Amino acid sequence: MEILTLIIKQKFFDEILSGKKTQEFREIRPTTQKKYCQLDADGYCVEKDGILQPKRYDAIQFFVGYNKDRASALVEVKGAKIELFEDENHNLIEYTYQGEIYLAAQVVYDLGRVMEKNV
């Protein structure tokens, strides 16, 4: 089973457990793209039919904060997609990091059932 580990705030953790929050969003940055994207041999996000491909995870292990005795939950991932950010004119937003041009993007995880919890 492929599990992504994420740190979240208590408010969002509680919303996930109650079923109110059904999606988790994370900005994709050059330093985190290997965590969120399928990468090609050159280290760039894989595209299929013009759509960037997220890295596949079966579940997300959420932890509340960084304390040793923190609440946690293992939550099923039902699906994932990558969304590109656009400006007000619908142009893709680009930025430069260490001389490379990147597109501003986020990954969206569709959350399923809570498989385990420790509160």
PDB file of N, CA and C in Angstrom:
ATOM      1  N   MET A   1       0.853  -1.179   0.000  1.00  0.00           N
ATOM      2  CA  MET A   1       0.000   0.000   0.000  1.00  0.00           C
ATOM      3  C   MET A   1       0.897   1.239   0.000  1.00  0.00           C
ATOM      4  N   GLU A   2       0.614   2.164  -0.912  1.00  0.00           N
ATOM      5  CA  GLU A   2       1.354   3.421  -0.999  1.00  0.00           C
ATOM      6  C   GLU A   2       0.665   4.454  -0.116  1.00  0.00           C
ATOM      7  N   ILE A   3       1.416   4.984   0.866  1.00  0.00           N
ATOM      8  CA  ILE A   3       0.841   5.929   1.832  1.00  0.00           C
ATOM      9  C   ILE A   3       1.616   7.240   1.802  1.00  0.00           C
ATOM     10  N   LEU A   4       0.878   8.341   1.642  1.00  0.00           N
ATOM     11  CA  LEU A   4       1.428   9.693   1.709  1.00  0.00           C
ATOM     12  C   LEU A   4       1.248  10.194   3.133  1.00  0.00           C
ATOM     13  N   THR A   5       2.291  10.799   3.701  1.00  0.00           N
ATOM     14  CA  THR A   5       2.214  11.354   5.047  1.00  0.00           C
ATOM     15  C   THR A   5       2.120  12.873   4.967  1.00  0.00           C
ATOM     16  N   LEU A   6       1.104  13.440   5.639  1.00  0.00           N
ATOM     17  CA  LEU A   6       0.885  14.880   5.635  1.00  0.00           C
ATOM     18  C   LEU A   6       0.596  15.382   7.049  1.00  0.00           C
ATOM     19  N   ILE A   7       1.037  16.592   7.321  1.00  0.00           N
ATOM     20  CA  ILE A   7       0.752  17.276   8.579  1.00  0.00           C
ATOM     21  C   ILE A   7      -0.396  18.262   8.320  1.00  0.00           C
ATOM     22  N   ILE A   8      -1.393  18.267   9.219  1.00  0.00           N
ATOM     23  CA  ILE A   8      -2.513  19.198   9.078  1.00  0.00           C
ATOM     24  C   ILE A   8      -2.865  19.814  10.430  1.00  0.00           C
ATOM     25  N   LYS A   9      -3.709  20.817  10.381  1.00  0.00           N
ATOM     26  CA  LYS A   9      -4.189  21.479  11.595  1.00  0.00           C
ATOM     27  C   LYS A   9      -5.378  20.700  12.164  1.00  0.00           C
ATOM     28  N   GLN A  10      -5.589  20.877  13.465  1.00  0.00           N
ATOM     29  CA  GLN A  10      -6.652  20.155  14.168  1.00  0.00           C
ATOM     30  C   GLN A  10      -8.022  20.377  13.531  1.00  0.00           C
ATOM     31  N   LYS A  11      -8.308  21.612  13.143  1.00  0.00           N
ATOM     32  CA  LYS A  11      -9.613  21.946  12.543  1.00  0.00           C
ATOM     33  C   LYS A  11      -9.892  21.080  11.314  1.00  0.00           C
ATOM     34  N   PHE A  12      -8.899  20.966  10.424  1.00  0.00           N
ATOM     35  CA  PHE A  12      -9.088  20.193   9.194  1.00  0.00           C
ATOM     36  C   PHE A  12      -9.122  18.697   9.473  1.00  0.00           C
ATOM     37  N   PHE A  13      -8.347  18.263  10.459  1.00  0.00           N
ATOM     38  CA  PHE A  13      -8.364  16.862  10.883  1.00  0.00           C
ATOM     39  C   PHE A  13      -9.767  16.479  11.348  1.00  0.00           C
ATOM     40  N   ASP A  14     -10.356  17.320  12.200  1.00  0.00           N
ATOM     41  CA  ASP A  14     -11.713  17.060  12.698  1.00  0.00           C
ATOM     42  C   ASP A  14     -12.735  17.027  11.571  1.00  0.00           C
ATOM     43  N   GLU A  15     -12.564  17.903  10.581  1.00  0.00           N
ATOM     44  CA  GLU A  15     -13.483  17.929   9.439  1.00  0.00           C
ATOM     45  C   GLU A  15     -13.355  16.657   8.596  1.00  0.00           C
ATOM     46  N   ILE A  16     -12.160  16.129   8.460  1.00  0.00           N
ATOM     47  CA  ILE A  16     -11.964  14.874   7.725  1.00  0.00           C
ATOM     48  C   ILE A  16     -12.649  13.730   8.463  1.00  0.00           C
ATOM     49  N   LEU A  17     -12.437  13.655   9.775  1.00  0.00           N
ATOM     50  CA  LEU A  17     -13.051  12.573  10.563  1.00  0.00           C
ATOM     51  C   LEU A  17     -14.573  12.631  10.530  1.00  0.00           C
ATOM     52  N   SER A  18     -15.135  13.837  10.504  1.00  0.00           N
ATOM     53  CA  SER A  18     -16.595  13.980  10.488  1.00  0.00           C
ATOM     54  C   SER A  18     -17.191  13.785   9.092  1.00  0.00           C
ATOM     55  N   GLY A  19     -16.336  13.759   8.056  1.00  0.00           N
ATOM     56  CA  GLY A  19     -16.825  13.603   6.689  1.00  0.00           C
ATOM     57  C   GLY A  19     -17.140  14.916   6.005  1.00  0.00           C
ATOM     58  N   LYS A  20     -16.963  16.037   6.708  1.00  0.00           N
ATOM     59  CA  LYS A  20     -17.237  17.358   6.128  1.00  0.00           C
ATOM     60  C   LYS A  20     -16.196  17.728   5.066  1.00  0.00           C
ATOM     61  N   LYS A  21     -14.941  17.414   5.332  1.00  0.00           N
ATOM     62  CA  LYS A  21     -13.851  17.712   4.386  1.00  0.00           C
ATOM     63  C   LYS A  21     -13.575  16.448   3.585  1.00  0.00           C
ATOM     64  N   THR A  22     -13.828  16.516   2.276  1.00  0.00           N
ATOM     65  CA  THR A  22     -13.701  15.327   1.430  1.00  0.00           C
ATOM     66  C   THR A  22     -12.555  15.439   0.423  1.00  0.00           C
ATOM     67  N   GLN A  23     -11.840  16.559   0.452  1.00  0.00           N
ATOM     68  CA  GLN A  23     -10.692  16.740  -0.434  1.00  0.00           C
ATOM     69  C   GLN A  23      -9.550  17.381   0.340  1.00  0.00           C
ATOM     70  N   GLU A  24      -8.333  17.019  -0.043  1.00  0.00           N
ATOM     71  CA  GLU A  24      -7.132  17.630   0.517  1.00  0.00           C
ATOM     72  C   GLU A  24      -6.351  18.248  -0.636  1.00  0.00           C
ATOM     73  N   PHE A  25      -5.912  19.493  -0.454  1.00  0.00           N
ATOM     74  CA  PHE A  25      -5.209  20.248  -1.488  1.00  0.00           C
ATOM     75  C   PHE A  25      -3.778  20.515  -1.034  1.00  0.00           C
ATOM     76  N   ARG A  26      -2.822  20.329  -1.928  1.00  0.00           N
ATOM     77  CA  ARG A  26      -1.436  20.661  -1.633  1.00  0.00           C
ATOM     78  C   ARG A  26      -0.810  21.325  -2.853  1.00  0.00           C
ATOM     79  N   GLU A  27      -0.154  22.464  -2.599  1.00  0.00           N
ATOM     80  CA  GLU A  27       0.550  23.166  -3.673  1.00  0.00           C
ATOM     81  C   GLU A  27       1.762  22.341  -4.093  1.00  0.00           C
ATOM     82  N   ILE A  28       1.973  22.277  -5.397  1.00  0.00           N
ATOM     83  CA  ILE A  28       3.134  21.556  -5.928  1.00  0.00           C
ATOM     84  C   ILE A  28       4.234  22.567  -6.178  1.00  0.00           C
ATOM     85  N   ARG A  29       5.361  22.351  -5.535  1.00  0.00           N
ATOM     86  CA  ARG A  29       6.524  23.224  -5.687  1.00  0.00           C
ATOM     87  C   ARG A  29       7.673  22.380  -6.228  1.00  0.00           C
ATOM     88  N   PRO A  30       8.710  23.028  -6.743  1.00  0.00           N
ATOM     89  CA  PRO A  30       9.849  22.242  -7.242  1.00  0.00           C
ATOM     90  C   PRO A  30      10.419  21.292  -6.184  1.00  0.00           C
ATOM     91  N   THR A  31      10.361  21.698  -4.926  1.00  0.00           N
ATOM     92  CA  THR A  31      10.910  20.870  -3.854  1.00  0.00           C
ATOM     93  C   THR A  31       9.979  19.741  -3.423  1.00  0.00           C
ATOM     94  N   THR A  32       8.713  19.767  -3.870  1.00  0.00           N
ATOM     95  CA  THR A  32       7.762  18.720  -3.473  1.00  0.00           C
ATOM     96  C   THR A  32       7.174  17.957  -4.650  1.00  0.00           C
ATOM     97  N   GLN A  33       7.582  18.280  -5.865  1.00  0.00           N
ATOM     98  CA  GLN A  33       6.926  17.632  -7.007  1.00  0.00           C
ATOM     99  C   GLN A  33       7.159  16.123  -7.042  1.00  0.00           C
ATOM    100  N   LYS A  34       8.305  15.639  -6.532  1.00  0.00           N
ATOM    101  CA  LYS A  34       8.519  14.190  -6.525  1.00  0.00           C
ATOM    102  C   LYS A  34       7.566  13.485  -5.559  1.00  0.00           C
ATOM    103  N   LYS A  35       7.047  14.219  -4.596  1.00  0.00           N
ATOM    104  CA  LYS A  35       6.089  13.678  -3.633  1.00  0.00           C
ATOM    105  C   LYS A  35       4.680  13.598  -4.220  1.00  0.00           C
ATOM    106  N   TYR A  36       4.357  14.543  -5.109  1.00  0.00           N
ATOM    107  CA  TYR A  36       2.984  14.660  -5.606  1.00  0.00           C
ATOM    108  C   TYR A  36       2.774  14.283  -7.068  1.00  0.00           C
ATOM    109  N   CYS A  37       3.826  14.222  -7.869  1.00  0.00           N
ATOM    110  CA  CYS A  37       3.699  13.985  -9.317  1.00  0.00           C
ATOM    111  C   CYS A  37       4.412  12.708  -9.738  1.00  0.00           C
ATOM    112  N   GLN A  38       3.873  12.080 -10.771  1.00  0.00           N
ATOM    113  CA  GLN A  38       4.636  11.040 -11.454  1.00  0.00           C
ATOM    114  C   GLN A  38       5.727  11.762 -12.237  1.00  0.00           C
ATOM    115  N   LEU A  39       6.968  11.333 -12.109  1.00  0.00           N
ATOM    116  CA  LEU A  39       8.076  12.014 -12.771  1.00  0.00           C
ATOM    117  C   LEU A  39       8.672  11.159 -13.881  1.00  0.00           C
ATOM    118  N   ASP A  40       9.138  11.849 -14.931  1.00  0.00           N
ATOM    119  CA  ASP A  40       9.830  11.151 -16.010  1.00  0.00           C
ATOM    120  C   ASP A  40      11.311  11.021 -15.651  1.00  0.00           C
ATOM    121  N   ALA A  41      12.112  10.487 -16.557  1.00  0.00           N
ATOM    122  CA  ALA A  41      13.541  10.249 -16.300  1.00  0.00           C
ATOM    123  C   ALA A  41      14.309  11.535 -16.040  1.00  0.00           C
ATOM    124  N   ASP A  42      13.805  12.661 -16.554  1.00  0.00           N
ATOM    125  CA  ASP A  42      14.465  13.952 -16.357  1.00  0.00           C
ATOM    126  C   ASP A  42      13.970  14.693 -15.111  1.00  0.00           C
ATOM    127  N   GLY A  43      13.019  14.109 -14.384  1.00  0.00           N
ATOM    128  CA  GLY A  43      12.527  14.726 -13.158  1.00  0.00           C
ATOM    129  C   GLY A  43      11.375  15.688 -13.351  1.00  0.00           C
ATOM    130  N   TYR A  44      10.718  15.635 -14.507  1.00  0.00           N
ATOM    131  CA  TYR A  44       9.562  16.505 -14.767  1.00  0.00           C
ATOM    132  C   TYR A  44       8.270  15.709 -14.653  1.00  0.00           C
ATOM    133  N   CYS A  45       7.187  16.404 -14.319  1.00  0.00           N
ATOM    134  CA  CYS A  45       5.886  15.754 -14.192  1.00  0.00           C
ATOM    135  C   CYS A  45       5.468  15.118 -15.518  1.00  0.00           C
ATOM    136  N   VAL A  46       4.977  13.902 -15.437  1.00  0.00           N
ATOM    137  CA  VAL A  46       4.518  13.166 -16.609  1.00  0.00           C
ATOM    138  C   VAL A  46       3.177  13.735 -17.065  1.00  0.00           C
ATOM    139  N   GLU A  47       3.048  13.912 -18.372  1.00  0.00           N
ATOM    140  CA  GLU A  47       1.782  14.350 -18.975  1.00  0.00           C
ATOM    141  C   GLU A  47       1.188  13.201 -19.766  1.00  0.00           C
ATOM    142  N   LYS A  48      -0.127  13.062 -19.697  1.00  0.00           N
ATOM    143  CA  LYS A  48      -0.838  12.080 -20.514  1.00  0.00           C
ATOM    144  C   LYS A  48      -2.032  12.795 -21.124  1.00  0.00           C
ATOM    145  N   ASP A  49      -2.057  12.891 -22.438  1.00  0.00           N
ATOM    146  CA  ASP A  49      -3.114  13.618 -23.143  1.00  0.00           C
ATOM    147  C   ASP A  49      -3.234  15.051 -22.639  1.00  0.00           C
ATOM    148  N   GLY A  50      -2.090  15.687 -22.333  1.00  0.00           N
ATOM    149  CA  GLY A  50      -2.056  17.073 -21.893  1.00  0.00           C
ATOM    150  C   GLY A  50      -2.407  17.288 -20.431  1.00  0.00           C
ATOM    151  N   ILE A  51      -2.563  16.196 -19.682  1.00  0.00           N
ATOM    152  CA  ILE A  51      -2.931  16.288 -18.269  1.00  0.00           C
ATOM    153  C   ILE A  51      -1.768  15.785 -17.423  1.00  0.00           C
ATOM    154  N   LEU A  52      -1.329  16.613 -16.466  1.00  0.00           N
ATOM    155  CA  LEU A  52      -0.265  16.196 -15.558  1.00  0.00           C
ATOM    156  C   LEU A  52      -0.754  15.061 -14.664  1.00  0.00           C
ATOM    157  N   GLN A  53       0.104  14.081 -14.445  1.00  0.00           N
ATOM    158  CA  GLN A  53      -0.291  12.878 -13.718  1.00  0.00           C
ATOM    159  C   GLN A  53       0.201  12.904 -12.261  1.00  0.00           C
ATOM    160  N   PRO A  54      -0.736  12.789 -11.310  1.00  0.00           N
ATOM    161  CA  PRO A  54      -0.331  12.747  -9.901  1.00  0.00           C
ATOM    162  C   PRO A  54       0.287  11.397  -9.555  1.00  0.00           C
ATOM    163  N   LYS A  55       1.137  11.403  -8.552  1.00  0.00           N
ATOM    164  CA  LYS A  55       1.675  10.155  -8.022  1.00  0.00           C
ATOM    165  C   LYS A  55       0.529   9.426  -7.337  1.00  0.00           C
ATOM    166  N   ARG A  56       0.474   8.123  -7.507  1.00  0.00           N
ATOM    167  CA  ARG A  56      -0.644   7.353  -6.969  1.00  0.00           C
ATOM    168  C   ARG A  56      -0.389   6.947  -5.521  1.00  0.00           C
ATOM    169  N   TYR A  57      -1.382   7.235  -4.691  1.00  0.00           N
ATOM    170  CA  TYR A  57      -1.359   6.806  -3.297  1.00  0.00           C
ATOM    171  C   TYR A  57      -2.663   6.089  -2.984  1.00  0.00           C
ATOM    172  N   ASP A  58      -2.571   5.071  -2.136  1.00  0.00           N
ATOM    173  CA  ASP A  58      -3.762   4.341  -1.691  1.00  0.00           C
ATOM    174  C   ASP A  58      -4.419   5.024  -0.491  1.00  0.00           C
ATOM    175  N   ALA A  59      -3.580   5.715   0.305  1.00  0.00           N
ATOM    176  CA  ALA A  59      -4.088   6.347   1.525  1.00  0.00           C
ATOM    177  C   ALA A  59      -3.176   7.505   1.913  1.00  0.00           C
ATOM    178  N   ILE A  60      -3.729   8.374   2.766  1.00  0.00           N
ATOM    179  CA  ILE A  60      -2.944   9.464   3.353  1.00  0.00           C
ATOM    180  C   ILE A  60      -2.943   9.272   4.861  1.00  0.00           C
ATOM    181  N   GLN A  61      -1.741   9.320   5.443  1.00  0.00           N
ATOM    182  CA  GLN A  61      -1.592   9.288   6.897  1.00  0.00           C
ATOM    183  C   GLN A  61      -1.510  10.738   7.357  1.00  0.00           C
ATOM    184  N   PHE A  62      -2.579  11.217   7.978  1.00  0.00           N
ATOM    185  CA  PHE A  62      -2.620  12.585   8.474  1.00  0.00           C
ATOM    186  C   PHE A  62      -2.138  12.614   9.921  1.00  0.00           C
ATOM    187  N   PHE A  63      -1.297  13.594  10.238  1.00  0.00           N
ATOM    188  CA  PHE A  63      -0.856  13.850  11.605  1.00  0.00           C
ATOM    189  C   PHE A  63      -1.200  15.291  11.945  1.00  0.00           C
ATOM    190  N   VAL A  64      -1.678  15.512  13.173  1.00  0.00           N
ATOM    191  CA  VAL A  64      -1.991  16.861  13.636  1.00  0.00           C
ATOM    192  C   VAL A  64      -0.741  17.435  14.293  1.00  0.00           C
ATOM    193  N   GLY A  65      -0.132  18.410  13.642  1.00  0.00           N
ATOM    194  CA  GLY A  65       1.047  19.063  14.189  1.00  0.00           C
ATOM    195  C   GLY A  65       2.256  18.156  14.258  1.00  0.00           C
ATOM    196  N   TYR A  66       3.223  18.583  15.081  1.00  0.00           N
ATOM    197  CA  TYR A  66       4.511  17.898  15.143  1.00  0.00           C
ATOM    198  C   TYR A  66       4.822  17.289  16.508  1.00  0.00           C
ATOM    199  N   ASN A  67       3.915  17.382  17.467  1.00  0.00           N
ATOM    200  CA  ASN A  67       4.162  16.833  18.803  1.00  0.00           C
ATOM    201  C   ASN A  67       4.259  15.304  18.757  1.00  0.00           C
ATOM    202  N   LYS A  68       4.944  14.755  19.743  1.00  0.00           N
ATOM    203  CA  LYS A  68       5.126  13.305  19.824  1.00  0.00           C
ATOM    204  C   LYS A  68       3.787  12.582  20.003  1.00  0.00           C
ATOM    205  N   ASP A  69       2.956  13.072  20.906  1.00  0.00           N
ATOM    206  CA  ASP A  69       1.652  12.455  21.185  1.00  0.00           C
ATOM    207  C   ASP A  69       0.561  13.188  20.425  1.00  0.00           C
ATOM    208  N   ARG A  70       0.526  13.023  19.136  1.00  0.00           N
ATOM    209  CA  ARG A  70      -0.416  13.757  18.290  1.00  0.00           C
ATOM    210  C   ARG A  70      -1.475  12.819  17.713  1.00  0.00           C
ATOM    211  N   ALA A  71      -2.603  13.397  17.393  1.00  0.00           N
ATOM    212  CA  ALA A  71      -3.678  12.631  16.763  1.00  0.00           C
ATOM    213  C   ALA A  71      -3.272  12.303  15.334  1.00  0.00           C
ATOM    214  N   SER A  72      -3.789  11.169  14.848  1.00  0.00           N
ATOM    215  CA  SER A  72      -3.488  10.766  13.479  1.00  0.00           C
ATOM    216  C   SER A  72      -4.652   9.967  12.914  1.00  0.00           C
ATOM    217  N   ALA A  73      -4.673   9.865  11.600  1.00  0.00           N
ATOM    218  CA  ALA A  73      -5.694   9.063  10.928  1.00  0.00           C
ATOM    219  C   ALA A  73      -5.161   8.618   9.581  1.00  0.00           C
ATOM    220  N   LEU A  74      -5.483   7.399   9.222  1.00  0.00           N
ATOM    221  CA  LEU A  74      -5.164   6.864   7.904  1.00  0.00           C
ATOM    222  C   LEU A  74      -6.448   6.916   7.091  1.00  0.00           C
ATOM    223  N   VAL A  75      -6.412   7.660   5.981  1.00  0.00           N
ATOM    224  CA  VAL A  75      -7.623   7.910   5.192  1.00  0.00           C
ATOM    225  C   VAL A  75      -7.410   7.436   3.760  1.00  0.00           C
ATOM    226  N   GLU A  76      -8.386   6.713   3.257  1.00  0.00           N
ATOM    227  CA  GLU A  76      -8.350   6.200   1.890  1.00  0.00           C
ATOM    228  C   GLU A  76      -8.302   7.348   0.881  1.00  0.00           C
ATOM    229  N   VAL A  77      -7.537   7.160  -0.205  1.00  0.00           N
ATOM    230  CA  VAL A  77      -7.527   8.100  -1.322  1.00  0.00           C
ATOM    231  C   VAL A  77      -8.331   7.453  -2.449  1.00  0.00           C
ATOM    232  N   LYS A  78      -9.434   8.089  -2.830  1.00  0.00           N
ATOM    233  CA  LYS A  78     -10.293   7.559  -3.894  1.00  0.00           C
ATOM    234  C   LYS A  78      -9.843   8.024  -5.273  1.00  0.00           C
ATOM    235  N   GLY A  79      -9.138   9.148  -5.338  1.00  0.00           N
ATOM    236  CA  GLY A  79      -8.673   9.674  -6.610  1.00  0.00           C
ATOM    237  C   GLY A  79      -7.809  10.898  -6.388  1.00  0.00           C
ATOM    238  N   ALA A  80      -7.123  11.297  -7.449  1.00  0.00           N
ATOM    239  CA  ALA A  80      -6.262  12.483  -7.365  1.00  0.00           C
ATOM    240  C   ALA A  80      -6.158  13.117  -8.743  1.00  0.00           C
ATOM    241  N   LYS A  81      -5.962  14.434  -8.737  1.00  0.00           N
ATOM    242  CA  LYS A  81      -5.749  15.158  -9.989  1.00  0.00           C
ATOM    243  C   LYS A  81      -4.869  16.358  -9.705  1.00  0.00           C
ATOM    244  N   ILE A  82      -4.229  16.844 -10.765  1.00  0.00           N
ATOM    245  CA  ILE A  82      -3.400  18.031 -10.659  1.00  0.00           C
ATOM    246  C   ILE A  82      -4.110  19.164 -11.389  1.00  0.00           C
ATOM    247  N   GLU A  83      -4.231  20.294 -10.693  1.00  0.00           N
ATOM    248  CA  GLU A  83      -4.852  21.487 -11.278  1.00  0.00           C
ATOM    249  C   GLU A  83      -3.789  22.557 -11.462  1.00  0.00           C
ATOM    250  N   LEU A  84      -3.786  23.185 -12.628  1.00  0.00           N
ATOM    251  CA  LEU A  84      -2.866  24.280 -12.912  1.00  0.00           C
ATOM    252  C   LEU A  84      -3.543  25.594 -12.574  1.00  0.00           C
ATOM    253  N   PHE A  85      -2.777  26.535 -12.014  1.00  0.00           N
ATOM    254  CA  PHE A  85      -3.318  27.842 -11.668  1.00  0.00           C
ATOM    255  C   PHE A  85      -3.266  28.776 -12.866  1.00  0.00           C
ATOM    256  N   GLU A  86      -4.329  29.570 -13.022  1.00  0.00           N
ATOM    257  CA  GLU A  86      -4.421  30.545 -14.108  1.00  0.00           C
ATOM    258  C   GLU A  86      -4.594  31.938 -13.532  1.00  0.00           C
ATOM    259  N   ASP A  87      -4.174  32.945 -14.307  1.00  0.00           N
ATOM    260  CA  ASP A  87      -4.421  34.325 -13.895  1.00  0.00           C
ATOM    261  C   ASP A  87      -5.817  34.736 -14.373  1.00  0.00           C
ATOM    262  N   GLU A  88      -6.167  36.006 -14.162  1.00  0.00           N
ATOM    263  CA  GLU A  88      -7.514  36.484 -14.510  1.00  0.00           C
ATOM    264  C   GLU A  88      -7.813  36.419 -16.012  1.00  0.00           C
ATOM    265  N   ASN A  89      -6.777  36.316 -16.844  1.00  0.00           N
ATOM    266  CA  ASN A  89      -6.956  36.199 -18.302  1.00  0.00           C
ATOM    267  C   ASN A  89      -6.875  34.753 -18.770  1.00  0.00           C
ATOM    268  N   HIS A  90      -6.913  33.819 -17.854  1.00  0.00           N
ATOM    269  CA  HIS A  90      -6.858  32.381 -18.129  1.00  0.00           C
ATOM    270  C   HIS A  90      -5.530  31.921 -18.722  1.00  0.00           C
ATOM    271  N   ASN A  91      -4.454  32.647 -18.421  1.00  0.00           N
ATOM    272  CA  ASN A  91      -3.115  32.224 -18.812  1.00  0.00           C
ATOM    273  C   ASN A  91      -2.512  31.439 -17.653  1.00  0.00           C
ATOM    274  N   LEU A  92      -1.789  30.377 -17.963  1.00  0.00           N
ATOM    275  CA  LEU A  92      -1.142  29.600 -16.918  1.00  0.00           C
ATOM    276  C   LEU A  92      -0.113  30.468 -16.206  1.00  0.00           C
ATOM    277  N   ILE A  93      -0.040  30.335 -14.901  1.00  0.00           N
ATOM    278  CA  ILE A  93       0.909  31.111 -14.102  1.00  0.00           C
ATOM    279  C   ILE A  93       2.232  30.360 -14.045  1.00  0.00           C
ATOM    280  N   GLU A  94       3.298  31.058 -14.437  1.00  0.00           N
ATOM    281  CA  GLU A  94       4.635  30.481 -14.418  1.00  0.00           C
ATOM    282  C   GLU A  94       5.495  31.216 -13.397  1.00  0.00           C
ATOM    283  N   TYR A  95       6.489  30.525 -12.869  1.00  0.00           N
ATOM    284  CA  TYR A  95       7.474  31.159 -12.000  1.00  0.00           C
ATOM    285  C   TYR A  95       8.809  30.462 -12.216  1.00  0.00           C
ATOM    286  N   THR A  96       9.872  31.116 -11.804  1.00  0.00           N
ATOM    287  CA  THR A  96      11.216  30.580 -11.985  1.00  0.00           C
ATOM    288  C   THR A  96      11.795  30.181 -10.635  1.00  0.00           C
ATOM    289  N   TYR A  97      12.397  29.006 -10.604  1.00  0.00           N
ATOM    290  CA  TYR A  97      13.060  28.509  -9.399  1.00  0.00           C
ATOM    291  C   TYR A  97      14.402  27.928  -9.824  1.00  0.00           C
ATOM    292  N   GLN A  98      15.474  28.480  -9.313  1.00  0.00           N
ATOM    293  CA  GLN A  98      16.841  28.060  -9.629  1.00  0.00           C
ATOM    294  C   GLN A  98      17.066  27.957 -11.135  1.00  0.00           C
ATOM    295  N   GLY A  99      16.572  28.972 -11.845  1.00  0.00           N
ATOM    296  CA  GLY A  99      16.792  29.055 -13.278  1.00  0.00           C
ATOM    297  C   GLY A  99      15.860  28.229 -14.143  1.00  0.00           C
ATOM    298  N   GLU A 100      14.977  27.454 -13.540  1.00  0.00           N
ATOM    299  CA  GLU A 100      14.015  26.630 -14.286  1.00  0.00           C
ATOM    300  C   GLU A 100      12.631  27.267 -14.196  1.00  0.00           C
ATOM    301  N   ILE A 101      11.851  27.135 -15.261  1.00  0.00           N
ATOM    302  CA  ILE A 101      10.484  27.656 -15.278  1.00  0.00           C
ATOM    303  C   ILE A 101       9.522  26.541 -14.879  1.00  0.00           C
ATOM    304  N   TYR A 102       8.628  26.859 -13.952  1.00  0.00           N
ATOM    305  CA  TYR A 102       7.632  25.916 -13.464  1.00  0.00           C
ATOM    306  C   TYR A 102       6.242  26.522 -13.609  1.00  0.00           C
ATOM    307  N   LEU A 103       5.238  25.641 -13.719  1.00  0.00           N
ATOM    308  CA  LEU A 103       3.844  26.070 -13.714  1.00  0.00           C
ATOM    309  C   LEU A 103       3.319  25.990 -12.283  1.00  0.00           C
ATOM    310  N   ALA A 104       2.566  26.992 -11.871  1.00  0.00           N
ATOM    311  CA  ALA A 104       1.932  26.971 -10.557  1.00  0.00           C
ATOM    312  C   ALA A 104       0.801  25.941 -10.588  1.00  0.00           C
ATOM    313  N   ALA A 105       0.814  25.012  -9.622  1.00  0.00           N
ATOM    314  CA  ALA A 105      -0.156  23.915  -9.643  1.00  0.00           C
ATOM    315  C   ALA A 105      -0.420  23.412  -8.232  1.00  0.00           C
ATOM    316  N   GLN A 106      -1.508  22.634  -8.121  1.00  0.00           N
ATOM    317  CA  GLN A 106      -1.814  21.955  -6.865  1.00  0.00           C
ATOM    318  C   GLN A 106      -2.315  20.558  -7.178  1.00  0.00           C
ATOM    319  N   VAL A 107      -2.141  19.666  -6.223  1.00  0.00           N
ATOM    320  CA  VAL A 107      -2.710  18.335  -6.331  1.00  0.00           C
ATOM    321  C   VAL A 107      -3.938  18.294  -5.437  1.00  0.00           C
ATOM    322  N   VAL A 108      -4.977  17.619  -5.910  1.00  0.00           N
ATOM    323  CA  VAL A 108      -6.238  17.498  -5.172  1.00  0.00           C
ATOM    324  C   VAL A 108      -6.496  16.005  -4.950  1.00  0.00           C
ATOM    325  N   TYR A 109      -6.599  15.627  -3.683  1.00  0.00           N
ATOM    326  CA  TYR A 109      -6.890  14.236  -3.337  1.00  0.00           C
ATOM    327  C   TYR A 109      -8.343  14.120  -2.918  1.00  0.00           C
ATOM    328  N   ASP A 110      -9.053  13.164  -3.510  1.00  0.00           N
ATOM    329  CA  ASP A 110     -10.418  12.851  -3.098  1.00  0.00           C
ATOM    330  C   ASP A 110     -10.331  11.813  -1.989  1.00  0.00           C
ATOM    331  N   LEU A 111     -10.839  12.183  -0.808  1.00  0.00           N
ATOM    332  CA  LEU A 111     -10.715  11.332   0.359  1.00  0.00           C
ATOM    333  C   LEU A 111     -11.893  10.375   0.489  1.00  0.00           C
ATOM    334  N   GLY A 112     -11.585   9.169   0.942  1.00  0.00           N
ATOM    335  CA  GLY A 112     -12.611   8.155   1.164  1.00  0.00           C
ATOM    336  C   GLY A 112     -12.801   7.903   2.643  1.00  0.00           C
ATOM    337  N   ARG A 113     -12.923   6.651   2.981  1.00  0.00           N
ATOM    338  CA  ARG A 113     -13.216   6.273   4.378  1.00  0.00           C
ATOM    339  C   ARG A 113     -11.984   6.412   5.268  1.00  0.00           C
ATOM    340  N   VAL A 114     -12.244   6.644   6.536  1.00  0.00           N
ATOM    341  CA  VAL A 114     -11.187   6.674   7.546  1.00  0.00           C
ATOM    342  C   VAL A 114     -10.899   5.215   7.897  1.00  0.00           C
ATOM    343  N   MET A 115      -9.681   4.771   7.592  1.00  0.00           N
ATOM    344  CA  MET A 115      -9.310   3.373   7.784  1.00  0.00           C
ATOM    345  C   MET A 115      -8.824   3.085   9.206  1.00  0.00           C
ATOM    346  N   GLU A 116      -8.116   4.066   9.783  1.00  0.00           N
ATOM    347  CA  GLU A 116      -7.631   3.962  11.163  1.00  0.00           C
ATOM    348  C   GLU A 116      -7.611   5.357  11.750  1.00  0.00           C
ATOM    349  N   LYS A 117      -7.766   5.446  13.058  1.00  0.00           N
ATOM    350  CA  LYS A 117      -7.619   6.753  13.698  1.00  0.00           C
ATOM    351  C   LYS A 117      -7.078   6.591  15.109  1.00  0.00           C
ATOM    352  N   ASN A 118      -6.328   7.597  15.520  1.00  0.00           N
ATOM    353  CA  ASN A 118      -5.746   7.648  16.853  1.00  0.00           C
ATOM    354  C   ASN A 118      -5.936   9.088  17.335  1.00  0.00           C
ATOM    355  N   VAL A 119      -6.963   9.285  18.161  1.00  0.00           N
ATOM    356  CA  VAL A 119      -7.280  10.652  18.607  1.00  0.00           C
ATOM    357  C   VAL A 119      -7.054  10.869  20.079  1.00  0.00           C
TER     358      VAL A 119
END
